[in-house]
Amino acid sequence: MPAHRYYLIACEIMFRELSYCASRSPNLVDTTFLPKGLHDTGEKKMSSRLQETIDRVDASRYEAILLGYGLCNNGIRGLHSSLPL
């Protein structure tokens, strides 16, 4: 049984790298990759899409939500969850 269970939400531009990391982790990491052009939609639309994805995560199944994003349009600013982000 894995030590921890995490949910990763990330930009598809990092699909290969993050999939590799998840596969090598001793923990269980479920993933959702969002379109790489999401940062082009503007901060509010990007944040809204990310928040919708976070809100769909079953908090009873995971210990934390991992975000695979850089500064991408500040789209991660203000995101929240009952789980640690």
Protein backbone atom coordinates (compact mmCIF):
# COMPACT_ATOMS: atom_id res chain seq x y z
CA MET A 1 0.00 0.00 0.00
CA PRO A 2 1.36 3.45 -0.87
CA ALA A 3 2.57 5.69 1.91
CA HIS A 4 0.41 8.63 0.82
CA ARG A 5 -2.23 9.41 -1.76
CA TYR A 6 -2.06 12.67 -3.71
CA TYR A 7 -3.99 14.28 -6.55
CA LEU A 8 -1.92 16.18 -9.11
CA ILE A 9 -3.43 18.90 -11.29
CA ALA A 10 -0.93 20.10 -13.86
CA CYS A 11 -0.34 21.71 -17.22
CA GLU A 12 -0.10 19.18 -20.03
CA ILE A 13 3.17 20.79 -21.13
CA MET A 14 4.77 18.87 -18.23
CA PHE A 15 2.97 15.58 -18.98
CA ARG A 16 6.05 13.45 -19.62
CA GLU A 17 8.11 14.77 -16.73
CA LEU A 18 5.35 14.65 -14.13
CA SER A 19 4.09 11.26 -15.30
CA TYR A 20 7.61 9.93 -14.91
CA CYS A 21 7.88 11.40 -11.39
CA ALA A 22 4.49 9.99 -10.40
CA SER A 23 5.43 6.55 -11.71
CA ARG A 24 8.64 6.54 -9.65
CA SER A 25 6.99 7.79 -6.47
CA PRO A 26 6.41 5.40 -3.56
CA ASN A 27 3.11 7.27 -3.13
CA LEU A 28 -0.03 6.98 -5.21
CA VAL A 29 -0.43 10.04 -7.41
CA ASP A 30 -3.60 10.39 -9.48
CA THR A 31 -3.32 13.01 -12.19
CA THR A 32 -5.32 15.45 -14.26
CA PHE A 33 -3.56 17.40 -16.98
CA LEU A 34 -5.22 20.57 -18.24
CA PRO A 35 -4.58 22.15 -21.67
CA LYS A 36 -1.25 23.89 -22.13
CA GLY A 37 -2.90 27.02 -23.54
CA LEU A 38 -4.92 27.64 -20.39
CA HIS A 39 -2.64 30.51 -19.37
CA ASP A 40 -3.61 32.29 -22.61
CA THR A 41 -7.20 32.67 -21.38
CA GLY A 42 -6.27 35.21 -18.70
CA GLU A 43 -5.83 34.96 -14.96
CA LYS A 44 -9.53 34.89 -14.05
CA LYS A 45 -10.50 32.17 -16.55
CA MET A 46 -7.44 30.10 -15.71
CA SER A 47 -8.07 30.39 -11.96
CA SER A 48 -11.72 29.52 -12.47
CA ARG A 49 -10.88 26.38 -14.45
CA LEU A 50 -8.29 25.30 -11.89
CA GLN A 51 -10.69 25.93 -8.99
CA GLU A 52 -13.41 23.89 -10.72
CA THR A 53 -10.93 21.02 -11.08
CA ILE A 54 -9.86 21.32 -7.43
CA ASP A 55 -13.49 21.37 -6.30
CA ARG A 56 -14.15 18.05 -8.09
CA VAL A 57 -11.41 16.24 -6.14
CA ASP A 58 -12.84 13.81 -3.57
CA ALA A 59 -11.22 15.15 -0.39
CA SER A 60 -11.91 11.90 1.47
CA ARG A 61 -9.57 9.97 -0.86
CA TYR A 62 -6.47 12.20 -0.85
CA GLU A 63 -4.08 13.79 1.62
CA ALA A 64 -3.23 16.79 -0.54
CA ILE A 65 -3.59 18.33 -3.98
CA LEU A 66 -0.40 18.97 -5.91
CA LEU A 67 -0.28 21.75 -8.51
CA GLY A 68 2.05 21.42 -11.49
CA TYR A 69 2.15 25.04 -12.61
CA GLY A 70 4.67 27.84 -12.73
CA LEU A 71 3.81 31.52 -12.62
CA CYS A 72 1.56 30.96 -15.66
CA ASN A 73 -0.46 34.17 -15.68
CA ASN A 74 -0.80 34.07 -11.85
CA GLY A 75 -3.55 31.51 -12.42
CA ILE A 76 -2.82 29.70 -9.15
CA ARG A 77 -3.21 32.81 -7.01
CA GLY A 78 -6.14 32.57 -4.61
CA LEU A 79 -6.91 28.89 -5.17
CA HIS A 80 -8.26 27.06 -2.13
CA SER A 81 -9.28 23.64 -0.92
CA SER A 82 -10.09 21.80 2.29
CA LEU A 83 -6.98 19.76 1.48
CA PRO A 84 -3.47 21.21 1.61
CA LEU A 85 -2.42 22.62 -1.77
